[in-house]
Structure formats: structure tokens, C-alpha cells
Amino acid sequence: MEGKGYYSTFTLSYNDHKGVLVDPVIHGGSYSIPTKNVDFLTWKKNIETGKYWLKLHTMSGKEIRLQVSFDELNQLMKACGNDECKFGESA
């Protein structure tokens, strides 16, 4: 864990259903959550490190906090059902 209760690592895995990757799961050292159980995401850029504080808000009212890079943020947004959304930074 890295400051403020945010995990700094995660793995994104999928089930293989007849050659199609489905049902993504986000997991780390002490958590695991199917993305279908993530209700919504919120994030904020840490201006000191350039990384993002990301919260995965679950349907049960709990949250998982991650510290992620710009690319990881977009990867998780896509995995959680935001296929058409790509977060970008303003110049």
C-alpha cells in the first residue's frame, strides 16, 4: 500500500469463454472484485507524483482505492464498462 490507504498494484484478469475474454476481475494482494460489481469510478490526479488516486465504488457501498498511472486509469475505465470513454489530459 502506498500512502492514504491506496493500493499501488493490481492485476486485471478475464475468463476465457470460447476464445472470448469476458467477466474481468480486478485483484491485488488483499482484494478481488469482479468489474460487474463496480458501480462507478472516481479519480483525482496527484500533482506531486503525476499518478491518479482512483476509487472503485462497489454496489455494496464499499470502495477500493488504487494509485494508478494514466494508462492504468484508462485500462480500468474500459474494464469497468466505459468502452467509449478514454480519459485525457488537457494541455
C-alpha atoms as a PDB file:
ATOM      1  CA  MET A   1       0.000   0.000   0.000  1.00  0.00           C
ATOM      2  CA  GLU A   2       1.205   3.463  -0.790  1.00  0.00           C
ATOM      3  CA  GLY A   3       0.032   6.450   1.285  1.00  0.00           C
ATOM      4  CA  LYS A   4      -3.545   7.419   2.143  1.00  0.00           C
ATOM      5  CA  GLY A   5      -4.749   3.799   2.038  1.00  0.00           C
ATOM      6  CA  TYR A   6      -4.376   3.420  -1.731  1.00  0.00           C
ATOM      7  CA  TYR A   7      -3.053   0.168  -3.203  1.00  0.00           C
ATOM      8  CA  SER A   8      -0.296   0.716  -5.747  1.00  0.00           C
ATOM      9  CA  THR A   9      -0.659  -2.570  -7.640  1.00  0.00           C
ATOM     10  CA  PHE A  10      -3.468  -4.532  -9.235  1.00  0.00           C
ATOM     11  CA  THR A  11      -3.986  -7.262 -11.798  1.00  0.00           C
ATOM     12  CA  LEU A  12      -6.781  -7.382 -14.325  1.00  0.00           C
ATOM     13  CA  SER A  13      -7.764 -10.875 -15.441  1.00  0.00           C
ATOM     14  CA  TYR A  14     -10.513 -12.284 -17.640  1.00  0.00           C
ATOM     15  CA  ASN A  15     -12.342 -15.577 -18.018  1.00  0.00           C
ATOM     16  CA  ASP A  16     -11.903 -17.226 -21.398  1.00  0.00           C
ATOM     17  CA  HIS A  17     -15.298 -18.192 -22.803  1.00  0.00           C
ATOM     18  CA  LYS A  18     -14.877 -19.929 -26.169  1.00  0.00           C
ATOM     19  CA  GLY A  19     -11.958 -17.714 -27.127  1.00  0.00           C
ATOM     20  CA  VAL A  20     -13.633 -14.501 -25.950  1.00  0.00           C
ATOM     21  CA  LEU A  21     -12.306 -12.760 -22.861  1.00  0.00           C
ATOM     22  CA  VAL A  22     -15.227 -11.931 -20.558  1.00  0.00           C
ATOM     23  CA  ASP A  23     -16.043 -11.082 -16.935  1.00  0.00           C
ATOM     24  CA  PRO A  24     -12.975  -9.024 -15.940  1.00  0.00           C
ATOM     25  CA  VAL A  25     -11.804  -9.234 -12.323  1.00  0.00           C
ATOM     26  CA  ILE A  26      -9.573  -6.668 -10.594  1.00  0.00           C
ATOM     27  CA  HIS A  27      -7.418  -8.109  -7.826  1.00  0.00           C
ATOM     28  CA  GLY A  28      -4.439  -7.327  -5.666  1.00  0.00           C
ATOM     29  CA  GLY A  29      -2.757  -8.606  -2.536  1.00  0.00           C
ATOM     30  CA  SER A  30      -5.837  -8.439  -0.312  1.00  0.00           C
ATOM     31  CA  TYR A  31      -8.815  -7.741  -2.544  1.00  0.00           C
ATOM     32  CA  SER A  32     -10.631  -9.130  -5.558  1.00  0.00           C
ATOM     33  CA  ILE A  33     -13.695  -7.721  -7.261  1.00  0.00           C
ATOM     34  CA  PRO A  34     -15.496  -8.612 -10.471  1.00  0.00           C
ATOM     35  CA  THR A  35     -15.904  -5.424 -12.503  1.00  0.00           C
ATOM     36  CA  LYS A  36     -19.635  -6.129 -12.783  1.00  0.00           C
ATOM     37  CA  ASN A  37     -19.779  -5.291  -9.037  1.00  0.00           C
ATOM     38  CA  VAL A  38     -18.208  -1.855  -9.532  1.00  0.00           C
ATOM     39  CA  ASP A  39     -20.972   0.745  -9.521  1.00  0.00           C
ATOM     40  CA  PHE A  40     -18.857   3.734 -10.593  1.00  0.00           C
ATOM     41  CA  LEU A  41     -15.309   5.169 -10.564  1.00  0.00           C
ATOM     42  CA  THR A  42     -13.955   8.458  -9.261  1.00  0.00           C
ATOM     43  CA  TRP A  43     -10.398   9.750  -9.635  1.00  0.00           C
ATOM     44  CA  LYS A  44      -8.156  12.695  -8.903  1.00  0.00           C
ATOM     45  CA  LYS A  45      -4.654  13.463 -10.129  1.00  0.00           C
ATOM     46  CA  ASN A  46      -1.902  13.579  -7.521  1.00  0.00           C
ATOM     47  CA  ILE A  47       0.043  16.627  -8.719  1.00  0.00           C
ATOM     48  CA  GLU A  48       3.091  15.628  -6.660  1.00  0.00           C
ATOM     49  CA  THR A  49       3.573  12.233  -8.339  1.00  0.00           C
ATOM     50  CA  GLY A  50       1.618  12.566 -11.589  1.00  0.00           C
ATOM     51  CA  LYS A  51      -0.330   9.418 -10.731  1.00  0.00           C
ATOM     52  CA  TYR A  52      -4.063   9.173 -10.080  1.00  0.00           C
ATOM     53  CA  TRP A  53      -5.975   8.292  -6.938  1.00  0.00           C
ATOM     54  CA  LEU A  54      -8.780   6.049  -8.149  1.00  0.00           C
ATOM     55  CA  LYS A  55     -11.753   4.806  -6.146  1.00  0.00           C
ATOM     56  CA  LEU A  56     -13.770   1.811  -7.286  1.00  0.00           C
ATOM     57  CA  HIS A  57     -17.180   2.313  -5.669  1.00  0.00           C
ATOM     58  CA  THR A  58     -18.964  -1.015  -5.244  1.00  0.00           C
ATOM     59  CA  MET A  59     -22.658  -1.782  -5.274  1.00  0.00           C
ATOM     60  CA  SER A  60     -22.411  -2.738  -1.586  1.00  0.00           C
ATOM     61  CA  GLY A  61     -21.298   0.792  -0.683  1.00  0.00           C
ATOM     62  CA  LYS A  62     -17.657  -0.158  -0.087  1.00  0.00           C
ATOM     63  CA  GLU A  63     -14.742   1.250  -2.057  1.00  0.00           C
ATOM     64  CA  ILE A  64     -11.352   0.042  -3.210  1.00  0.00           C
ATOM     65  CA  ARG A  65      -8.656   2.691  -3.533  1.00  0.00           C
ATOM     66  CA  LEU A  66      -5.857   2.415  -6.055  1.00  0.00           C
ATOM     67  CA  GLN A  67      -2.974   4.646  -7.072  1.00  0.00           C
ATOM     68  CA  VAL A  68      -2.600   4.212 -10.838  1.00  0.00           C
ATOM     69  CA  SER A  69      -0.852   5.655 -13.864  1.00  0.00           C
ATOM     70  CA  PHE A  70      -2.673   7.469 -16.677  1.00  0.00           C
ATOM     71  CA  ASP A  71      -2.668   4.292 -18.821  1.00  0.00           C
ATOM     72  CA  GLU A  72      -3.862   2.119 -15.924  1.00  0.00           C
ATOM     73  CA  LEU A  73      -6.719   4.561 -15.274  1.00  0.00           C
ATOM     74  CA  ASN A  74      -7.916   4.174 -18.853  1.00  0.00           C
ATOM     75  CA  GLN A  75      -7.438   0.391 -18.709  1.00  0.00           C
ATOM     76  CA  LEU A  76      -9.634   0.149 -15.603  1.00  0.00           C
ATOM     77  CA  MET A  77     -12.251   2.513 -17.018  1.00  0.00           C
ATOM     78  CA  LYS A  78     -12.561   0.293 -20.073  1.00  0.00           C
ATOM     79  CA  ALA A  79     -12.700  -2.904 -17.985  1.00  0.00           C
ATOM     80  CA  CYS A  80     -15.497  -1.416 -15.853  1.00  0.00           C
ATOM     81  CA  GLY A  81     -17.725  -0.881 -18.844  1.00  0.00           C
ATOM     82  CA  ASN A  82     -16.658   2.529 -20.087  1.00  0.00           C
ATOM     83  CA  ASP A  83     -15.630   1.240 -23.530  1.00  0.00           C
ATOM     84  CA  GLU A  84     -16.244   4.547 -25.267  1.00  0.00           C
ATOM     85  CA  CYS A  85     -14.549   6.653 -22.604  1.00  0.00           C
ATOM     86  CA  LYS A  86     -10.848   7.478 -22.711  1.00  0.00           C
ATOM     87  CA  PHE A  87      -9.785   9.960 -20.092  1.00  0.00           C
ATOM     88  CA  GLY A  88      -7.413  12.567 -21.492  1.00  0.00           C
ATOM     89  CA  GLU A  89      -5.470  15.409 -20.006  1.00  0.00           C
ATOM     90  CA  SER A  90      -5.798  18.997 -21.095  1.00  0.00           C
ATOM     91  CA  ALA A  91      -2.679  20.672 -22.398  1.00  0.00           C
END
